[in-house]
Amino acid sequence: MPSGTMPTCTPVSTSAITHDDAVILIIEGTGSRINNFIDKLTKLEEGAERLSSNTENVCQYGCYHAGRRFIFVVTPRLSQGAAFKAIAKWLNSDVYCKSIVFTGVIYIHSITNNGRSPADVPSVELLGHLCGNNAADRVRLVTTTCDQAEVLDVDNVKRIPGIADWHSFIKAGARLERFDNTSEGAWKIVEDLENTKKTLLLQEELGNRRMRLKDTTLGKHIWPDTLGSRIKRFLGT
């Protein structure tokens, strides 16, 4: 894709998202340089704020490509404490009211010869609790610096430094993808999601089941109901 034909990315309001859009969550892992991935997908309109997950809010941007409108939803980094509350608040807004479902979830992760950051292990586990096994096939675990294997799949994942902990999520249907730092490579990852759409587990629990965040599958792993926490609630501390 020549750089001159890259689509322009513009901020869009949540209320403007429609059922016809390809809605894709983009989540940043430690050291993954999310801006570089986005820059290879699209250019921002003049004056628009640069896409970044270094925020406490969820932001969404739209662009047209190959006759479709893609909505890229950039979330706070999962290692940030307020990230899941921000995601839950966003899912419970117009997204729930309009029954918007997702084309995909892209988790961008940097792998180096030194292996993965320890902070990313719980992030990937929590990502599984956010999406659920039913929507795991909508998830792409995208590595931005990986040359340890010719093919990234469930058969050789255990041999690659830094991603052995992803094995169970991959067996559930999530796919490893290697980003080669090109526009073509970035769009191939997006386009390979095709047109299938699914509801995320957290979305199902918050919306259809009307659960509180702390009672969801994700919430129970973030805020476990330990004896200590029950005592604190009893004492009001």
Protein backbone atom coordinates (compact mmCIF):
# COMPACT_ATOMS: atom_id res chain seq x y z
CA MET A 1 0.00 0.00 0.00
CA PRO A 2 1.72 3.21 -1.06
CA SER A 3 2.05 5.77 1.72
CA GLY A 4 0.23 8.32 -0.38
CA THR A 5 -2.96 6.25 -0.38
CA MET A 6 -3.08 5.64 3.37
CA PRO A 7 -6.55 6.37 4.75
CA THR A 8 -7.03 9.35 7.05
CA CYS A 9 -8.01 8.57 10.62
CA THR A 10 -10.49 10.87 12.36
CA PRO A 11 -11.84 10.88 15.93
CA VAL A 12 -15.43 9.61 16.17
CA SER A 13 -17.92 9.70 19.01
CA THR A 14 -19.15 6.46 20.53
CA SER A 15 -22.71 7.34 19.50
CA ALA A 16 -21.58 7.48 15.84
CA ILE A 17 -20.50 3.81 15.76
CA THR A 18 -22.89 1.63 13.75
CA HIS A 19 -23.51 -2.08 13.23
CA ASP A 20 -21.91 -1.84 9.79
CA ASP A 21 -18.56 -0.71 11.20
CA ALA A 22 -15.66 -3.07 11.81
CA VAL A 23 -14.97 -2.23 15.46
CA ILE A 24 -11.53 -3.29 16.70
CA LEU A 25 -10.11 -2.85 20.18
CA ILE A 26 -6.39 -2.07 20.19
CA ILE A 27 -4.62 -2.73 23.49
CA GLU A 28 -0.98 -1.97 24.21
CA GLY A 29 1.42 -4.23 26.05
CA THR A 30 4.63 -3.06 27.69
CA GLY A 31 7.08 -1.48 25.24
CA SER A 32 5.00 -2.33 22.21
CA ARG A 33 5.06 1.09 20.51
CA ILE A 34 1.37 1.14 19.66
CA ASN A 35 1.77 4.43 17.80
CA ASN A 36 4.07 2.76 15.30
CA PHE A 37 1.43 0.12 14.52
CA ILE A 38 -1.26 2.77 14.12
CA ASP A 39 1.01 4.94 11.99
CA LYS A 40 1.41 2.05 9.57
CA LEU A 41 -2.37 1.64 9.32
CA THR A 42 -3.40 5.21 8.76
CA LYS A 43 -2.52 8.85 9.04
CA LEU A 44 -4.32 11.20 11.40
CA GLU A 45 -6.23 14.15 10.04
CA GLU A 46 -4.38 17.43 10.46
CA GLY A 47 -4.69 18.76 14.00
CA ALA A 48 -6.00 15.51 15.51
CA GLU A 49 -4.41 14.22 18.67
CA ARG A 50 -1.97 11.37 18.13
CA LEU A 51 -3.37 7.94 18.97
CA SER A 52 -1.98 6.67 22.25
CA SER A 53 -2.92 4.28 25.05
CA ASN A 54 -1.17 6.51 27.59
CA THR A 55 -4.49 7.82 28.83
CA GLU A 56 -7.13 6.99 31.40
CA ASN A 57 -9.89 7.09 28.80
CA VAL A 58 -10.98 4.97 25.87
CA CYS A 59 -10.69 6.80 22.53
CA GLN A 60 -12.06 5.78 19.14
CA TYR A 61 -10.95 6.73 15.64
CA GLY A 62 -12.48 5.88 12.28
CA CYS A 63 -11.11 5.44 8.79
CA TYR A 64 -12.29 4.02 5.47
CA HIS A 65 -10.33 1.23 3.81
CA ALA A 66 -11.29 -1.10 0.96
CA GLY A 67 -14.90 0.06 1.09
CA ARG A 68 -15.36 -0.48 4.83
CA ARG A 69 -15.28 1.83 7.81
CA PHE A 70 -12.96 0.63 10.56
CA ILE A 71 -13.29 1.94 14.10
CA PHE A 72 -10.09 1.56 16.08
CA VAL A 73 -10.80 1.75 19.81
CA VAL A 74 -7.63 2.54 21.74
CA THR A 75 -7.77 1.59 25.43
CA PRO A 76 -5.56 2.50 28.36
CA ARG A 77 -2.64 0.11 28.81
CA LEU A 78 -3.81 -2.95 30.74
CA SER A 79 -1.05 -2.50 33.31
CA GLN A 80 -2.65 0.78 34.36
CA GLY A 81 -4.92 0.41 37.38
CA ALA A 82 -7.87 2.31 35.92
CA ALA A 83 -7.79 0.58 32.53
CA PHE A 84 -10.49 -2.01 33.12
CA LYS A 85 -12.82 0.47 34.77
CA ALA A 86 -12.43 2.73 31.73
CA ILE A 87 -13.11 -0.17 29.35
CA ALA A 88 -16.14 -1.27 31.39
CA LYS A 89 -17.53 2.27 31.43
CA TRP A 90 -17.08 2.50 27.67
CA LEU A 91 -18.78 -0.86 27.07
CA ASN A 92 -21.72 0.20 29.23
CA SER A 93 -22.24 3.42 27.27
CA ASP A 94 -23.73 3.66 23.78
CA VAL A 95 -21.91 0.46 22.83
CA TYR A 96 -24.26 -1.61 25.00
CA CYS A 97 -27.36 0.43 24.18
CA LYS A 98 -26.75 -0.06 20.45
CA SER A 99 -25.70 -3.73 20.83
CA ILE A 100 -22.38 -3.13 19.07
CA VAL A 101 -20.24 -6.27 18.79
CA PHE A 102 -16.58 -6.52 17.92
CA THR A 103 -14.76 -7.60 14.79
CA GLY A 104 -11.58 -8.10 16.75
CA VAL A 105 -9.21 -7.35 19.59
CA ILE A 106 -5.57 -6.62 18.80
CA TYR A 107 -3.12 -6.89 21.69
CA ILE A 108 0.23 -5.43 20.70
CA HIS A 109 3.22 -6.88 22.52
CA SER A 110 6.96 -6.44 22.15
CA ILE A 111 9.16 -9.53 22.26
CA THR A 112 12.91 -9.14 22.46
CA ASN A 113 15.74 -11.56 22.96
CA ASN A 114 15.39 -10.90 26.68
CA GLY A 115 11.86 -12.22 26.69
CA ARG A 116 8.68 -10.52 27.75
CA SER A 117 8.10 -8.02 30.47
CA PRO A 118 6.76 -9.70 33.63
CA ALA A 119 3.95 -7.12 33.64
CA ASP A 120 2.57 -8.56 30.41
CA VAL A 121 1.90 -12.04 31.80
CA PRO A 122 -1.04 -10.97 33.98
CA SER A 123 -2.13 -8.58 31.21
CA VAL A 124 -2.56 -11.44 28.73
CA GLU A 125 -4.33 -13.53 31.36
CA LEU A 126 -6.70 -10.67 32.11
CA LEU A 127 -7.21 -10.15 28.39
CA GLY A 128 -8.53 -13.71 28.29
CA HIS A 129 -10.99 -12.93 31.07
CA LEU A 130 -12.07 -9.76 29.25
CA CYS A 131 -12.73 -11.53 25.94
CA GLY A 132 -13.71 -15.05 27.05
CA ASN A 133 -13.11 -18.30 25.21
CA ASN A 134 -16.11 -17.82 22.92
CA ALA A 135 -14.55 -14.67 21.44
CA ALA A 136 -10.93 -15.88 21.61
CA ASP A 137 -10.87 -16.41 17.84
CA ARG A 138 -11.40 -12.64 17.46
CA VAL A 139 -8.16 -11.93 19.35
CA ARG A 140 -4.80 -11.31 17.68
CA LEU A 141 -1.70 -11.32 19.89
CA VAL A 142 0.58 -9.19 17.76
CA THR A 143 4.33 -9.28 18.35
CA THR A 144 6.27 -6.25 17.19
CA THR A 145 9.85 -7.54 17.49
CA CYS A 146 10.03 -11.28 17.05
CA ASP A 147 12.44 -13.22 14.85
CA GLN A 148 12.76 -16.42 16.87
CA ALA A 149 10.41 -18.49 14.72
CA GLU A 150 9.41 -18.70 11.08
CA VAL A 151 5.82 -19.60 11.97
CA LEU A 152 4.03 -18.51 15.14
CA ASP A 153 1.40 -21.04 16.13
CA VAL A 154 0.25 -23.26 18.97
CA ASP A 155 2.77 -25.98 18.06
CA ASN A 156 5.90 -23.91 18.59
CA VAL A 157 4.72 -21.18 20.96
CA LYS A 158 6.28 -22.94 23.95
CA ARG A 159 9.73 -22.63 22.38
CA ILE A 160 9.58 -18.87 21.86
CA PRO A 161 10.99 -16.79 24.74
CA GLY A 162 8.37 -14.65 26.44
CA ILE A 163 5.08 -16.10 25.17
CA ALA A 164 4.81 -19.57 26.71
CA ASP A 165 2.25 -18.12 29.13
CA TRP A 166 -0.08 -17.35 26.19
CA HIS A 167 -0.47 -21.01 25.28
CA SER A 168 -3.89 -21.66 26.85
CA PHE A 169 -5.41 -18.53 25.30
CA ILE A 170 -4.09 -19.55 21.89
CA LYS A 171 -5.57 -23.04 22.27
CA ALA A 172 -8.92 -21.35 22.89
CA GLY A 173 -8.67 -19.67 19.49
CA ALA A 174 -6.54 -16.52 19.83
CA ARG A 175 -3.92 -16.16 17.11
CA LEU A 176 -0.34 -15.01 17.19
CA GLU A 177 0.62 -12.56 14.47
CA ARG A 178 4.00 -11.03 13.73
CA PHE A 179 4.03 -7.36 12.75
CA ASP A 180 6.77 -6.68 10.20
CA ASN A 181 6.70 -2.88 10.60
CA THR A 182 5.05 -2.23 7.23
CA SER A 183 1.68 -0.80 6.21
CA GLU A 184 0.90 -3.99 4.32
CA GLY A 185 1.68 -6.08 7.39
CA ALA A 186 -0.49 -3.95 9.69
CA TRP A 187 -3.47 -4.07 7.32
CA LYS A 188 -3.06 -7.81 6.76
CA ILE A 189 -3.52 -8.36 10.50
CA VAL A 190 -6.66 -6.21 10.47
CA GLU A 191 -8.11 -7.65 7.26
CA ASP A 192 -7.54 -11.26 8.36
CA LEU A 193 -10.17 -10.67 11.06
CA GLU A 194 -12.65 -10.62 8.15
CA ASN A 195 -16.33 -9.90 8.91
CA THR A 196 -17.08 -12.17 11.86
CA LYS A 197 -18.25 -10.28 14.94
CA LYS A 198 -18.67 -11.47 18.51
CA THR A 199 -19.64 -10.13 21.91
CA LEU A 200 -16.83 -10.04 24.47
CA LEU A 201 -17.36 -11.86 27.77
CA LEU A 202 -17.09 -8.65 29.80
CA GLN A 203 -19.58 -6.99 27.48
CA GLU A 204 -22.00 -9.90 27.93
CA GLU A 205 -21.68 -9.91 31.71
CA LEU A 206 -22.00 -6.14 32.15
CA GLY A 207 -24.75 -5.70 29.59
CA ASN A 208 -26.98 -8.72 29.20
CA ARG A 209 -26.43 -10.12 32.70
CA ARG A 210 -26.30 -6.68 34.37
CA MET A 211 -23.40 -7.73 36.62
CA ARG A 212 -21.27 -5.32 38.59
CA LEU A 213 -17.70 -5.06 37.33
CA LYS A 214 -16.23 -6.65 40.46
CA ASP A 215 -18.58 -9.64 40.05
CA THR A 216 -17.60 -10.37 36.45
CA THR A 217 -15.08 -13.04 35.49
CA LEU A 218 -12.54 -10.30 34.90
CA GLY A 219 -13.42 -8.42 38.07
CA LYS A 220 -12.98 -11.48 40.27
CA HIS A 221 -9.41 -11.86 39.04
CA ILE A 222 -8.61 -8.18 39.55
CA TRP A 223 -10.32 -7.82 42.91
CA PRO A 224 -10.44 -11.31 44.49
CA ASP A 225 -12.92 -11.66 47.34
CA THR A 226 -10.40 -12.65 49.99
CA LEU A 227 -11.03 -12.85 53.72
CA GLY A 228 -8.98 -9.69 54.15
CA SER A 229 -11.13 -7.75 51.68
CA ARG A 230 -14.34 -8.97 53.36
CA ILE A 231 -13.04 -7.81 56.75
CA LYS A 232 -12.14 -4.42 55.28
CA ARG A 233 -15.65 -4.05 53.86
CA PHE A 234 -17.17 -5.08 57.21
CA LEU A 235 -15.05 -2.53 59.08
CA GLY A 236 -15.65 0.11 56.43
CA THR A 237 -11.92 0.60 55.75
